[in-house]
Protein backbone atom coordinates (compact mmCIF):
# COMPACT_ATOMS: atom_id res chain seq x y z
CA MET A 1 6.28 10.39 -12.59
CA THR A 2 3.84 12.98 -11.29
CA ASN A 3 2.58 14.08 -7.91
CA LYS A 4 -0.90 14.97 -9.14
CA THR A 5 -3.41 13.65 -11.68
CA LEU A 6 -2.68 14.57 -15.30
CA GLY A 7 -5.12 16.40 -17.55
CA LEU A 8 -7.07 18.31 -14.90
CA SER A 9 -7.12 22.09 -14.69
CA PRO A 10 -5.64 23.47 -11.44
CA GLN A 11 -9.11 24.58 -10.39
CA LEU A 12 -10.71 21.19 -11.01
CA TYR A 13 -7.80 19.37 -9.36
CA GLU A 14 -8.11 21.48 -6.22
CA TYR A 15 -11.87 20.83 -6.18
CA LEU A 16 -11.26 17.08 -6.48
CA LEU A 17 -8.97 17.17 -3.45
CA SER A 18 -11.32 19.41 -1.48
CA VAL A 19 -14.24 16.98 -1.66
CA SER A 20 -12.42 13.65 -1.52
CA LEU A 21 -8.96 13.69 0.06
CA ARG A 22 -8.82 12.44 3.65
CA GLU A 23 -5.13 12.53 4.48
CA SER A 24 -3.68 11.87 7.93
CA ALA A 25 -1.37 14.43 9.55
CA SER A 26 1.61 12.09 9.14
CA LEU A 27 0.98 11.70 5.41
CA ILE A 28 0.55 15.45 4.96
CA LYS A 29 3.85 16.17 6.70
CA LEU A 30 5.68 13.53 4.64
CA ARG A 31 4.21 14.85 1.42
CA GLU A 32 5.13 18.43 2.33
CA GLU A 33 8.74 17.50 3.06
CA THR A 34 8.97 15.47 -0.14
CA ALA A 35 7.64 18.47 -2.10
CA MET A 36 10.91 20.23 -1.20
CA HIS A 37 13.07 17.32 -2.41
CA PRO A 38 14.96 17.64 -5.74
CA MET A 39 13.36 14.37 -6.89
CA ARG A 40 9.84 15.31 -5.73
CA ARG A 41 8.29 14.19 -9.01
CA MET A 42 8.86 10.60 -7.86
CA GLN A 43 6.21 11.13 -5.16
CA ILE A 44 2.82 9.55 -5.84
CA SER A 45 -0.16 11.90 -5.74
CA PRO A 46 -2.27 11.99 -2.56
CA GLU A 47 -5.45 11.03 -4.42
CA GLN A 48 -3.61 8.01 -5.85
CA GLY A 49 -2.43 7.06 -2.38
CA GLN A 50 -5.97 7.27 -1.08
CA LEU A 51 -7.20 5.03 -3.91
CA ILE A 52 -4.51 2.47 -3.09
CA ALA A 53 -5.45 2.52 0.60
CA PHE A 54 -9.13 2.11 -0.35
CA LEU A 55 -8.33 -0.92 -2.50
CA VAL A 56 -6.14 -2.47 0.20
CA GLN A 57 -9.01 -2.20 2.66
CA LEU A 58 -11.57 -3.35 0.09
CA ILE A 59 -9.77 -6.67 -0.47
CA ALA A 60 -9.02 -7.03 3.26
CA ALA A 61 -5.29 -7.19 2.58
CA ARG A 62 -2.94 -8.22 5.36
CA LYS A 63 0.32 -8.78 3.51
CA THR A 64 1.57 -6.48 0.76
CA LEU A 65 4.55 -5.53 -1.41
CA ASP A 66 5.83 -2.05 -2.21
CA ILE A 67 8.36 -1.99 -5.06
CA GLY A 68 9.95 1.46 -5.03
CA VAL A 69 9.76 3.30 -1.70
CA PHE A 70 11.38 6.70 -2.34
CA THR A 71 10.56 8.79 0.78
CA GLY A 72 7.96 6.31 1.93
CA TYR A 73 4.54 7.79 1.14
CA SER A 74 3.17 4.77 -0.73
CA THR A 75 4.49 2.41 1.95
CA LEU A 76 3.01 4.47 4.76
CA VAL A 77 -0.39 4.91 3.12
CA VAL A 78 -0.68 1.13 2.78
CA ALA A 79 0.67 0.41 6.27
CA LEU A 80 -1.91 2.75 7.80
CA ALA A 81 -4.67 0.99 5.86
CA LEU A 82 -3.63 -2.47 7.05
CA PRO A 83 -4.82 -4.11 10.27
CA GLU A 84 -2.51 -3.98 13.27
CA ASP A 85 -0.93 -7.33 12.38
CA GLY A 86 -0.54 -6.45 8.68
CA LYS A 87 2.81 -6.25 6.91
CA VAL A 88 4.33 -4.33 4.01
CA VAL A 89 7.49 -5.77 2.45
CA ALA A 90 9.10 -2.63 1.02
CA CYS A 91 11.89 -2.62 -1.57
CA ASP A 92 14.27 0.19 -2.49
CA ILE A 93 17.98 0.64 -3.21
CA SER A 94 18.48 4.07 -1.60
CA GLU A 95 19.54 4.49 2.01
CA GLU A 96 19.22 8.27 1.56
CA TYR A 97 15.57 8.20 0.51
CA THR A 98 14.51 5.43 2.87
CA ASN A 99 16.06 7.18 5.87
CA ILE A 100 13.48 9.92 5.34
CA ALA A 101 10.83 7.22 5.05
CA ARG A 102 11.87 5.46 8.26
CA ASN A 103 11.56 8.69 10.21
CA TYR A 104 7.96 9.26 9.11
CA TRP A 105 6.98 5.62 9.51
CA GLN A 106 8.14 5.77 13.10
CA LYS A 107 6.38 9.07 13.81
CA ALA A 108 3.16 7.64 12.36
CA GLY A 109 3.39 4.56 14.59
CA ALA A 110 3.49 2.26 11.56
CA SER A 111 7.12 1.10 11.45
CA HIS A 112 6.28 -2.25 13.07
CA LYS A 113 4.18 -3.12 10.00
CA ILE A 114 6.98 -2.38 7.51
CA ASP A 115 9.78 -4.77 6.55
CA LEU A 116 12.23 -2.67 4.51
CA HIS A 117 14.76 -4.31 2.19
CA VAL A 118 17.45 -1.92 0.93
CA ALA A 119 18.65 -3.97 -2.03
CA PRO A 120 17.77 -4.44 -5.72
CA ALA A 121 14.08 -5.38 -5.75
CA ILE A 122 14.68 -8.20 -8.25
CA LYS A 123 16.90 -9.93 -5.69
CA THR A 124 14.49 -9.34 -2.82
CA LEU A 125 11.54 -10.69 -4.80
CA GLU A 126 13.51 -13.70 -6.00
CA LYS A 127 14.48 -14.46 -2.40
CA LEU A 128 10.82 -14.34 -1.36
CA ILE A 129 9.94 -16.77 -4.17
CA VAL A 130 12.74 -19.16 -3.20
CA GLU A 131 11.68 -18.99 0.46
CA GLY A 132 8.18 -20.23 -0.42
CA GLU A 133 6.24 -16.97 -0.33
CA VAL A 134 4.47 -17.72 -3.64
CA ASN A 135 0.71 -16.96 -3.59
CA SER A 136 0.97 -15.40 -0.13
CA PHE A 137 0.62 -11.65 -0.76
CA ASP A 138 -2.70 -9.86 -1.12
CA PHE A 139 -1.54 -6.67 -2.83
CA ALA A 140 1.53 -5.25 -4.59
CA PHE A 141 2.42 -1.76 -5.79
CA ILE A 142 5.07 -1.41 -8.52
CA ASP A 143 6.61 2.05 -8.83
CA ALA A 144 10.33 1.69 -9.42
CA ASP A 145 12.77 1.78 -12.37
CA LYS A 146 10.81 1.36 -15.58
CA SER A 147 13.47 -0.76 -17.31
CA ASN A 148 12.69 -3.62 -14.92
CA TYR A 149 8.90 -3.24 -14.78
CA ASP A 150 8.27 -6.45 -16.71
CA ILE A 151 10.57 -8.45 -14.44
CA TYR A 152 8.91 -7.03 -11.34
CA TYR A 153 5.51 -7.85 -12.77
CA GLU A 154 6.41 -11.48 -13.43
CA GLN A 155 7.92 -11.91 -9.98
CA VAL A 156 5.04 -10.19 -8.21
CA LEU A 157 2.52 -12.24 -10.19
CA GLN A 158 4.04 -15.33 -8.58
CA LEU A 159 3.96 -13.83 -5.10
CA VAL A 160 0.42 -12.45 -5.12
CA ARG A 161 -2.40 -14.88 -4.34
CA PRO A 162 -5.22 -15.67 -6.77
CA GLY A 163 -7.73 -12.87 -6.34
CA GLY A 164 -4.95 -10.55 -5.18
CA LEU A 165 -4.28 -7.19 -6.73
CA ILE A 166 -1.24 -5.68 -8.46
CA ALA A 167 -1.09 -1.90 -9.02
CA ILE A 168 1.43 -0.59 -11.56
CA ASP A 169 2.23 3.12 -11.64
CA ASN A 170 3.19 5.52 -14.46
CA VAL A 171 1.61 3.47 -17.24
CA LEU A 172 0.54 6.61 -19.15
CA TRP A 173 4.02 8.14 -18.78
CA HIS A 174 2.95 11.79 -19.17
CA GLY A 175 1.06 10.81 -22.33
CA GLN A 176 4.28 9.86 -24.11
CA VAL A 177 3.15 6.25 -24.63
CA ALA A 178 0.49 7.55 -27.05
CA ASP A 179 3.00 9.46 -29.18
CA PRO A 180 4.59 7.10 -31.78
CA GLU A 181 7.38 9.62 -32.38
CA ILE A 182 8.74 9.06 -28.87
CA LYS A 183 10.94 5.97 -28.82
CA ASP A 184 13.24 6.29 -25.80
CA ASN A 185 13.92 3.15 -23.76
CA ARG A 186 11.62 3.84 -20.80
CA THR A 187 8.68 4.85 -22.97
CA GLU A 188 9.10 1.75 -25.13
CA ARG A 189 9.33 -0.49 -22.05
CA ILE A 190 6.08 0.89 -20.67
CA ARG A 191 4.34 0.60 -24.06
CA THR A 192 5.45 -3.02 -24.35
CA LEU A 193 4.28 -3.84 -20.83
CA ASN A 194 0.91 -2.16 -21.42
CA GLN A 195 0.35 -4.33 -24.49
CA LYS A 196 1.45 -7.42 -22.61
CA LEU A 197 -0.94 -6.71 -19.74
CA TYR A 198 -3.80 -6.11 -22.17
CA LYS A 199 -3.28 -9.57 -23.67
CA ASP A 200 -2.37 -11.40 -20.44
CA LYS A 201 -5.02 -14.04 -19.70
CA ARG A 202 -3.62 -14.58 -16.20
CA ILE A 203 -5.22 -11.34 -15.00
CA ASN A 204 -8.23 -9.08 -15.22
CA LEU A 205 -7.26 -5.44 -15.54
CA SER A 206 -8.32 -1.83 -15.53
CA LEU A 207 -6.13 1.13 -16.47
CA VAL A 208 -7.22 4.03 -14.28
CA PRO A 209 -6.31 7.55 -15.50
CA ILE A 210 -5.31 8.78 -12.04
CA ALA A 211 -1.98 10.53 -11.44
CA ASP A 212 0.32 9.28 -14.27
CA GLY A 213 -1.85 6.25 -15.02
CA LEU A 214 -2.37 3.27 -12.71
CA THR A 215 -3.01 -0.24 -14.02
CA LEU A 216 -4.89 -2.53 -11.64
CA ALA A 217 -4.38 -6.22 -12.35
CA MET A 218 -6.24 -8.94 -10.46
CA LYS A 219 -4.54 -12.34 -10.53
CA LEU A 220 -6.99 -15.00 -11.70
CA LYS A 221 -5.30 -18.25 -10.73
């Protein structure tokens, strides 16, 4: 979890933002409030959000998934990138965090595009599968509890259409995945998933070293 790209000097990071970041007023205000939150490290970085919005527009997405809402930045950045009739199905278990999110979604005029489910994401995704939503989503962003990343990936892979895109956050895990001496549960889960994705013939992938590492996986069929 990080709210800026790892491995860049403060000077270079500020330069990167100064020549690339185009952030709406609503996103700036949400990010500034989240920066004061005790769990602020759960916030995605603004440059990562902009990349996600760029990809959503690039693939002409209309229907997306957001697994792990927190205070709503990732959901809002996608909602603002979608056409007026687009939809984000957003999943989180916290009323406290998502109440902050709802407030900013409404202020940004994007709440009509967001379908929030405050429940375990596994149950929400399974319900969508059962209801016949398989192969109907264009894009999905996974940024929730790491212990269930593999389950989310398998569920989302069913829900995203062929040619659709899955983005998975925190895959570099502060560099801990590259240190064989670190063997805690979350690090091991991310390592295992990274290896699985690398070998998975159902997707094409690219691991982008932005923020805390973002894997992009395109569903093939």
